[in-house]
């Protein structure tokens, strides 16, 4: 039994669980009882793998970034999740969850989204399966991620603005949970990250584990060794990192690096650096590390990147941080943008702002020339062009 994966009670060490309103108990219990049985059934596996291949376009390439490698004097590979259908890793999870929802007989799908990539991926699979789709999105994020809002609407989804709090991802999640409480019978909530009550963090990590499964095979072909020296991924809730780390958790020789958003600086009051600022608390149905005041009120997070603008991390990442299995590095807005421009100009790849935080770790670590570094390039930067334009001279 891995000490880094979920236990039978839905915990990762001290973190996890299901802290939910009584009205949601039947839904979460139904999912907990059914998810592994359904996910392990041959017909589910066959349909999931078929859609990942023919619809999503997997396996995503593992690209040796020659000029980036020369710049940092080590061997850098990019796991190209940005090349998936819909432009990010999010589709891996929504394909899996929509197949689960159908097998549970649900007819109405709800989701929350920050950067919009999960919203687009949910709207996409709902269109594919002919199911109603409602996406909750913070009012601030609707403005800064306009291209993704247009895509969701084009795909037939109803986009509902969250107008409370900071009007970002946390508030969109609150609204989605409220909807779920009001429509428990026919509604399935597709959570977009490794957050929420058990079994969501484990379920999402399993769907995203296709990333590290492919990495191992691809590294075997390219380096004759399945195990890199480093795996680097950005963490907001942390689903792309959970997927990239999954098959390496019990291999301590592989260093796991989680890049989180320091915003305008860790102690600037405009940050989302949970490992540095968080304390154990409950958010959205699970116990995890959470940015909060002395009396337990959630501190509003800030990041230039809508997908990392969250006051906590998934419980799996809280556990990886607490045990020291993963090293957390805080990246400021400016460092992320600088690294995004660097990738554009060295490799001709425009990364999502979220992924740019992972790239920024390269300048903060000391690598040997023969070490193998894999960065999970979790999404492409089309949605962030208006933000990038503000930094162009």
Protein backbone atom coordinates (compact mmCIF):
# COMPACT_ATOMS: atom_id res chain seq x y z
CA UNK A 1 0.00 0.00 0.00
CA UNK A 2 1.47 3.35 -1.04
CA UNK A 3 1.83 5.84 1.80
CA UNK A 4 1.21 8.64 -0.68
CA UNK A 5 -2.10 7.39 -2.08
CA UNK A 6 -5.52 7.58 -0.48
CA UNK A 7 -6.41 5.18 2.35
CA UNK A 8 -9.70 3.32 2.78
CA UNK A 9 -11.16 6.23 4.75
CA UNK A 10 -10.41 8.79 2.04
CA UNK A 11 -7.34 10.33 3.71
CA UNK A 12 -3.82 11.13 2.59
CA UNK A 13 -2.04 11.12 5.95
CA UNK A 14 -3.73 13.93 7.90
CA UNK A 15 -5.62 15.33 4.92
CA UNK A 16 -8.71 14.45 2.90
CA UNK A 17 -12.02 13.00 4.08
CA UNK A 18 -15.55 14.06 3.17
CA UNK A 19 -16.88 17.04 5.12
CA UNK A 20 -20.22 17.53 3.41
CA UNK A 21 -23.75 18.78 4.10
CA UNK A 22 -26.21 16.02 4.97
CA UNK A 23 -28.15 16.65 1.75
CA UNK A 24 -25.11 15.62 -0.33
CA UNK A 25 -24.33 12.51 1.67
CA UNK A 26 -26.31 10.12 -0.60
CA UNK A 27 -24.61 11.46 -3.76
CA UNK A 28 -21.10 11.25 -2.36
CA UNK A 29 -21.76 7.86 -0.79
CA UNK A 30 -23.15 6.54 -4.11
CA UNK A 31 -20.02 7.73 -5.88
CA UNK A 32 -17.71 6.32 -3.20
CA UNK A 33 -19.36 2.91 -3.42
CA UNK A 34 -19.37 2.81 -7.23
CA UNK A 35 -16.32 4.64 -8.62
CA UNK A 36 -13.64 1.94 -8.36
CA UNK A 37 -16.00 -0.84 -9.44
CA UNK A 38 -17.05 1.15 -12.53
CA UNK A 39 -13.53 2.44 -13.33
CA UNK A 40 -12.06 -1.07 -13.16
CA UNK A 41 -14.73 -2.70 -15.34
CA UNK A 42 -13.48 -3.84 -18.77
CA UNK A 43 -16.16 -1.96 -20.74
CA UNK A 44 -15.35 1.32 -18.92
CA UNK A 45 -11.60 0.91 -19.48
CA UNK A 46 -12.16 0.13 -23.17
CA UNK A 47 -14.40 3.17 -23.74
CA UNK A 48 -12.14 5.50 -21.71
CA UNK A 49 -8.98 4.40 -23.56
CA UNK A 50 -10.72 4.58 -26.94
CA UNK A 51 -11.85 8.19 -26.35
CA UNK A 52 -8.42 9.22 -24.99
CA UNK A 53 -6.86 7.88 -28.17
CA UNK A 54 -9.31 8.84 -30.94
CA UNK A 55 -10.99 11.91 -29.43
CA UNK A 56 -8.39 13.51 -27.14
CA UNK A 57 -5.39 12.54 -29.30
CA UNK A 58 -3.33 10.64 -26.72
CA UNK A 59 -0.62 9.75 -26.10
CA UNK A 60 0.54 13.35 -25.87
CA UNK A 61 4.16 13.72 -27.05
CA UNK A 62 7.16 13.86 -24.71
CA UNK A 63 9.20 16.51 -26.46
CA UNK A 64 12.94 17.02 -25.93
CA UNK A 65 13.31 20.81 -25.69
CA UNK A 66 16.76 21.18 -27.24
CA UNK A 67 17.25 24.94 -26.96
CA UNK A 68 15.71 25.14 -23.49
CA UNK A 69 18.01 22.28 -22.44
CA UNK A 70 21.07 24.10 -23.78
CA UNK A 71 20.01 27.25 -21.93
CA UNK A 72 19.72 25.45 -18.56
CA UNK A 73 22.53 22.96 -19.25
CA UNK A 74 20.51 19.83 -18.56
CA UNK A 75 18.08 17.51 -20.41
CA UNK A 76 14.58 18.98 -20.41
CA UNK A 77 11.53 17.17 -21.73
CA UNK A 78 8.07 18.73 -22.02
CA UNK A 79 5.02 16.52 -21.59
CA UNK A 80 2.78 18.16 -24.18
CA UNK A 81 -0.65 18.17 -22.51
CA UNK A 82 -1.20 21.45 -24.37
CA UNK A 83 -1.66 19.39 -27.55
CA UNK A 84 -4.72 17.53 -26.21
CA UNK A 85 -8.15 18.31 -27.64
CA UNK A 86 -9.39 21.47 -25.80
CA UNK A 87 -5.80 22.53 -25.07
CA UNK A 88 -5.04 21.16 -21.61
CA UNK A 89 -4.89 18.11 -19.35
CA UNK A 90 -8.43 18.76 -18.08
CA UNK A 91 -10.05 16.64 -20.81
CA UNK A 92 -8.50 13.42 -19.40
CA UNK A 93 -10.60 13.83 -16.25
CA UNK A 94 -13.84 15.03 -17.85
CA UNK A 95 -13.88 12.07 -20.26
CA UNK A 96 -13.55 9.71 -17.29
CA UNK A 97 -16.16 11.48 -15.16
CA UNK A 98 -18.76 11.81 -17.93
CA UNK A 99 -18.53 8.05 -18.49
CA UNK A 100 -19.06 7.56 -14.74
CA UNK A 101 -22.02 9.97 -14.71
CA UNK A 102 -23.70 8.11 -17.56
CA UNK A 103 -23.27 4.78 -15.80
CA UNK A 104 -24.81 6.30 -12.66
CA UNK A 105 -27.81 7.44 -14.71
CA UNK A 106 -27.27 11.21 -14.24
CA UNK A 107 -28.73 13.55 -16.86
CA UNK A 108 -27.54 16.99 -15.75
CA UNK A 109 -23.87 17.97 -15.39
CA UNK A 110 -22.45 20.86 -13.37
CA UNK A 111 -18.85 22.06 -13.08
CA UNK A 112 -16.74 24.89 -11.69
CA UNK A 113 -13.92 26.54 -13.60
CA UNK A 114 -11.18 29.11 -13.03
CA UNK A 115 -9.04 29.48 -16.14
CA UNK A 116 -11.92 28.05 -18.15
CA UNK A 117 -10.04 24.95 -19.37
CA UNK A 118 -12.05 22.61 -17.13
CA UNK A 119 -15.24 24.39 -18.15
CA UNK A 120 -14.41 23.93 -21.82
CA UNK A 121 -13.48 20.29 -21.26
CA UNK A 122 -16.76 19.66 -19.39
CA UNK A 123 -18.83 21.44 -22.05
CA UNK A 124 -17.01 19.36 -24.67
CA UNK A 125 -17.81 15.98 -23.13
CA UNK A 126 -21.42 17.03 -22.42
CA UNK A 127 -21.83 17.90 -26.10
CA UNK A 128 -20.22 14.57 -27.00
CA UNK A 129 -22.66 12.65 -24.77
CA UNK A 130 -25.73 14.83 -25.27
CA UNK A 131 -26.10 15.94 -21.63
CA UNK A 132 -27.13 19.30 -20.16
CA UNK A 133 -24.15 21.34 -18.92
CA UNK A 134 -24.00 24.21 -16.42
CA UNK A 135 -20.61 25.78 -15.65
CA UNK A 136 -20.02 28.13 -12.70
CA UNK A 137 -17.26 30.69 -13.20
CA UNK A 138 -16.16 33.71 -11.18
CA UNK A 139 -17.14 37.05 -12.66
CA UNK A 140 -13.48 38.17 -12.64
CA UNK A 141 -12.42 35.01 -14.48
CA UNK A 142 -15.22 35.43 -17.06
CA UNK A 143 -13.61 38.77 -17.97
CA UNK A 144 -9.98 37.59 -18.04
CA UNK A 145 -10.70 34.28 -19.83
CA UNK A 146 -13.19 35.52 -22.46
CA UNK A 147 -12.05 33.11 -25.23
CA UNK A 148 -12.87 30.11 -23.05
CA UNK A 149 -16.27 31.54 -22.10
CA UNK A 150 -17.06 31.84 -25.81
CA UNK A 151 -15.96 28.24 -26.39
CA UNK A 152 -18.19 26.95 -23.57
CA UNK A 153 -21.22 28.78 -24.95
CA UNK A 154 -20.47 27.57 -28.47
CA UNK A 155 -20.43 24.00 -27.13
CA UNK A 156 -23.91 24.49 -25.65
CA UNK A 157 -23.07 25.07 -21.98
CA UNK A 158 -24.78 27.61 -19.74
CA UNK A 159 -22.13 29.76 -18.03
CA UNK A 160 -23.28 31.13 -14.66
CA UNK A 161 -21.23 33.94 -13.08
CA UNK A 162 -20.21 33.72 -9.40
CA UNK A 163 -20.54 37.22 -7.98
CA UNK A 164 -19.55 36.68 -4.33
CA UNK A 165 -16.17 36.93 -2.58
CA UNK A 166 -13.21 37.42 -4.90
CA UNK A 167 -15.40 36.28 -7.84
CA UNK A 168 -12.84 33.62 -8.82
CA UNK A 169 -12.41 29.83 -8.62
CA UNK A 170 -13.20 29.41 -4.91
CA UNK A 171 -16.51 31.24 -5.37
CA UNK A 172 -17.40 29.30 -8.53
CA UNK A 173 -16.87 26.08 -6.54
CA UNK A 174 -19.15 27.36 -3.75
CA UNK A 175 -21.90 28.03 -6.30
CA UNK A 176 -21.53 24.62 -7.91
CA UNK A 177 -21.82 22.87 -4.53
CA UNK A 178 -24.94 24.96 -3.77
CA UNK A 179 -26.49 23.86 -7.08
CA UNK A 180 -25.66 20.21 -6.30
CA UNK A 181 -27.40 20.46 -2.91
CA UNK A 182 -30.50 21.82 -4.66
CA UNK A 183 -30.55 19.16 -7.41
CA UNK A 184 -29.18 15.97 -5.83
CA UNK A 185 -31.24 13.41 -7.77
CA UNK A 186 -30.37 13.95 -11.44
CA UNK A 187 -27.16 16.03 -11.20
CA UNK A 188 -23.55 14.90 -11.37
CA UNK A 189 -20.80 17.35 -10.33
CA UNK A 190 -17.65 17.02 -12.43
CA UNK A 191 -14.98 18.50 -10.14
CA UNK A 192 -12.00 19.72 -12.14
CA UNK A 193 -9.13 19.13 -9.73
CA UNK A 194 -7.90 16.86 -6.91
CA UNK A 195 -10.07 18.79 -4.44
CA UNK A 196 -13.47 18.23 -2.85
CA UNK A 197 -14.79 15.39 -0.70
CA UNK A 198 -13.50 11.83 -1.05
CA UNK A 199 -13.61 10.11 -3.55
CA UNK A 200 -13.03 13.09 -5.89
CA UNK A 201 -9.30 13.70 -5.18
CA UNK A 202 -8.49 10.02 -5.72
CA UNK A 203 -10.78 9.67 -8.73
CA UNK A 204 -9.38 12.73 -10.52
CA UNK A 205 -5.80 11.64 -9.77
CA UNK A 206 -6.52 8.21 -11.25
CA UNK A 207 -7.95 9.71 -14.44
CA UNK A 208 -4.97 12.08 -14.74
CA UNK A 209 -2.44 9.30 -13.99
CA UNK A 210 -2.44 8.57 -17.73
CA UNK A 211 0.11 11.43 -17.86
CA UNK A 212 2.81 9.69 -15.79
CA UNK A 213 1.87 6.29 -17.26
CA UNK A 214 2.77 7.64 -20.71
CA UNK A 215 5.85 9.48 -19.36
CA UNK A 216 7.32 6.19 -18.15
CA UNK A 217 6.86 4.49 -21.52
CA UNK A 218 8.17 7.50 -23.44
CA UNK A 219 11.23 7.95 -21.21
CA UNK A 220 12.01 4.25 -21.59
CA UNK A 221 12.12 4.77 -25.37
CA UNK A 222 14.07 8.05 -25.27
CA UNK A 223 16.40 7.59 -22.29
CA UNK A 224 16.21 3.82 -21.69
CA UNK A 225 15.07 4.65 -18.15
CA UNK A 226 11.47 5.11 -17.00
CA UNK A 227 12.50 7.28 -14.06
CA UNK A 228 13.56 10.91 -14.58
CA UNK A 229 15.54 12.87 -12.00
CA UNK A 230 12.84 15.54 -11.71
CA UNK A 231 9.15 15.91 -12.49
CA UNK A 232 7.92 19.52 -12.33
CA UNK A 233 4.27 20.62 -12.45
CA UNK A 234 2.19 23.60 -11.36
CA UNK A 235 -0.23 23.28 -8.45
CA UNK A 236 -3.44 25.20 -7.81
CA UNK A 237 -5.84 22.45 -6.81
CA UNK A 238 -3.23 20.30 -8.50
CA UNK A 239 -4.76 17.77 -10.91
CA UNK A 240 -2.04 18.00 -13.57
CA UNK A 241 0.62 17.59 -10.87
CA UNK A 242 -1.25 14.65 -9.32
CA UNK A 243 -1.29 12.97 -12.73
CA UNK A 244 2.35 13.73 -13.49
CA UNK A 245 3.51 12.52 -10.06
CA UNK A 246 1.19 9.50 -9.75
CA UNK A 247 3.40 6.65 -10.96
CA UNK A 248 6.51 8.14 -9.32
CA UNK A 249 5.16 8.67 -5.79
CA UNK A 250 6.85 5.55 -4.37
CA UNK A 251 10.16 6.17 -6.18
CA UNK A 252 12.06 8.63 -3.96
CA UNK A 253 14.88 8.87 -6.50
CA UNK A 254 12.47 10.94 -8.65
CA UNK A 255 12.32 14.46 -7.21
CA UNK A 256 8.81 15.91 -7.37
CA UNK A 257 8.60 19.69 -7.72
CA UNK A 258 5.31 21.57 -7.28
CA UNK A 259 5.17 25.16 -8.54
CA UNK A 260 2.63 27.33 -6.78
CA UNK A 261 1.56 30.90 -7.43
CA UNK A 262 3.22 33.54 -5.24
CA UNK A 263 1.36 36.30 -7.12
CA UNK A 264 2.96 39.64 -6.29
CA UNK A 265 5.14 38.00 -3.61
CA UNK A 266 4.52 35.43 -0.88
CA UNK A 267 3.94 38.01 1.85
CA UNK A 268 2.53 40.77 -0.37
CA UNK A 269 -1.08 40.06 0.56
CA UNK A 270 -1.63 39.17 -3.11
CA UNK A 271 -0.59 35.53 -3.29
CA UNK A 272 -1.83 31.94 -3.60
CA UNK A 273 1.29 30.28 -2.10
CA UNK A 274 -0.53 27.73 0.06
CA UNK A 275 2.51 25.77 1.24
CA UNK A 276 4.06 28.96 2.63
CA UNK A 277 0.89 30.59 3.96
CA UNK A 278 -1.56 27.75 4.61
CA UNK A 279 -2.66 25.96 7.78
CA UNK A 280 -4.82 22.84 8.05
CA UNK A 281 -8.50 23.63 7.47
CA UNK A 282 -11.63 22.52 5.66
CA UNK A 283 -12.58 23.79 2.20
CA UNK A 284 -15.04 22.39 -0.34
CA UNK A 285 -15.51 19.13 1.51
CA UNK A 286 -11.99 18.09 2.46
CA UNK A 287 -9.34 18.82 5.07
CA UNK A 288 -6.24 20.31 3.50
CA UNK A 289 -3.75 23.18 3.72
CA UNK A 290 -5.65 26.40 3.39
CA UNK A 291 -4.87 30.12 3.47
CA UNK A 292 -6.94 31.43 6.39
CA UNK A 293 -7.05 34.05 9.12
CA UNK A 294 -6.49 33.34 12.83
CA UNK A 295 -10.23 32.77 13.29
CA UNK A 296 -10.51 30.45 10.29
CA UNK A 297 -11.84 32.81 7.61
CA UNK A 298 -10.52 32.02 4.12
CA UNK A 299 -7.93 34.52 2.85
CA UNK A 300 -8.72 35.62 -0.71
CA UNK A 301 -6.02 34.25 -3.03
CA UNK A 302 -4.44 36.11 -5.93
CA UNK A 303 -2.56 34.98 -9.01
CA UNK A 304 -2.15 36.34 -12.52
CA UNK A 305 -3.14 32.81 -13.53
CA UNK A 306 -6.85 32.06 -13.07
CA UNK A 307 -6.18 28.32 -12.76
CA UNK A 308 -3.86 28.76 -9.75
CA UNK A 309 -6.00 31.39 -8.02
CA UNK A 310 -7.19 29.08 -5.21
CA UNK A 311 -6.67 29.40 -1.43
CA UNK A 312 -5.80 25.73 -0.86
CA UNK A 313 -4.30 22.68 -2.52
CA UNK A 314 -5.70 19.19 -2.98
CA UNK A 315 -5.24 16.95 0.09
CA UNK A 316 -2.79 14.73 -1.80
CA UNK A 317 -0.49 17.74 -2.25
CA UNK A 318 -0.90 18.84 1.38
CA UNK A 319 0.33 15.36 2.33
CA UNK A 320 3.22 15.44 -0.18
CA UNK A 321 4.27 18.81 1.26
CA UNK A 322 3.97 17.76 4.90
CA UNK A 323 5.96 14.54 4.36
CA UNK A 324 8.59 16.28 2.24
CA UNK A 325 7.93 13.96 -0.71
CA UNK A 326 7.39 16.98 -2.98
CA UNK A 327 9.28 20.26 -2.87
CA UNK A 328 7.05 23.32 -3.25
CA UNK A 329 8.50 26.37 -5.01
CA UNK A 330 6.66 29.69 -5.00
CA UNK A 331 6.68 31.56 -8.32
CA UNK A 332 5.66 35.21 -8.73
CA UNK A 333 3.57 36.58 -11.60
CA UNK A 334 6.63 38.26 -13.11
CA UNK A 335 8.72 35.08 -12.95
CA UNK A 336 5.96 33.08 -14.62
CA UNK A 337 5.52 35.60 -17.45
CA UNK A 338 9.28 35.78 -18.00
CA UNK A 339 9.44 31.97 -18.30
CA UNK A 340 6.48 31.93 -20.69
CA UNK A 341 8.23 34.41 -22.99
CA UNK A 342 11.41 32.36 -22.74
CA UNK A 343 9.63 29.20 -23.92
CA UNK A 344 7.96 31.12 -26.75
CA UNK A 345 11.28 32.43 -28.01
CA UNK A 346 13.43 29.33 -27.44
CA UNK A 347 11.00 26.60 -28.52
CA UNK A 348 8.15 28.25 -30.41
CA UNK A 349 5.59 27.05 -27.84
CA UNK A 350 3.17 29.44 -26.09
CA UNK A 351 2.35 27.95 -22.67
CA UNK A 352 -0.64 28.61 -20.45
CA UNK A 353 0.13 30.96 -17.55
CA UNK A 354 -0.42 28.02 -15.19
CA UNK A 355 2.25 25.93 -16.95
CA UNK A 356 4.59 28.93 -17.04
CA UNK A 357 4.83 28.67 -13.24
CA UNK A 358 6.29 25.17 -13.64
CA UNK A 359 8.76 26.43 -16.26
CA UNK A 360 9.92 29.15 -13.85
CA UNK A 361 11.26 26.48 -11.46
CA UNK A 362 14.11 25.85 -13.93
CA UNK A 363 15.90 29.01 -12.81
CA UNK A 364 15.53 28.07 -9.12
CA UNK A 365 17.05 24.58 -9.19
CA UNK A 366 20.60 23.37 -9.85
CA UNK A 367 20.74 20.58 -12.42
CA UNK A 368 23.60 18.38 -13.57
CA UNK A 369 24.19 18.12 -17.35
CA UNK A 370 23.15 14.45 -17.53
CA UNK A 371 20.00 14.78 -15.39
CA UNK A 372 16.58 14.27 -16.98
CA UNK A 373 13.94 16.86 -16.13
CA UNK A 374 10.30 16.43 -17.20
CA UNK A 375 7.99 19.47 -17.06
CA UNK A 376 4.28 18.88 -17.39
CA UNK A 377 3.20 21.50 -19.91
CA UNK A 378 -0.37 21.34 -18.70
CA UNK A 379 -1.99 23.76 -21.15
CA UNK A 380 -1.53 26.10 -24.07
CA UNK A 381 -1.52 29.86 -23.87
CA UNK A 382 -4.20 30.90 -26.36
CA UNK A 383 -6.55 31.80 -23.48
CA UNK A 384 -3.86 34.03 -21.90
CA UNK A 385 -2.86 36.09 -24.93
CA UNK A 386 -4.55 39.27 -23.68
CA UNK A 387 -2.59 39.02 -20.39
CA UNK A 388 0.67 38.35 -22.25
CA UNK A 389 0.00 41.34 -24.51
CA UNK A 390 0.11 43.62 -21.45
CA UNK A 391 3.75 42.62 -20.93
CA UNK A 392 4.88 43.14 -24.53
CA UNK A 393 6.90 46.30 -24.96
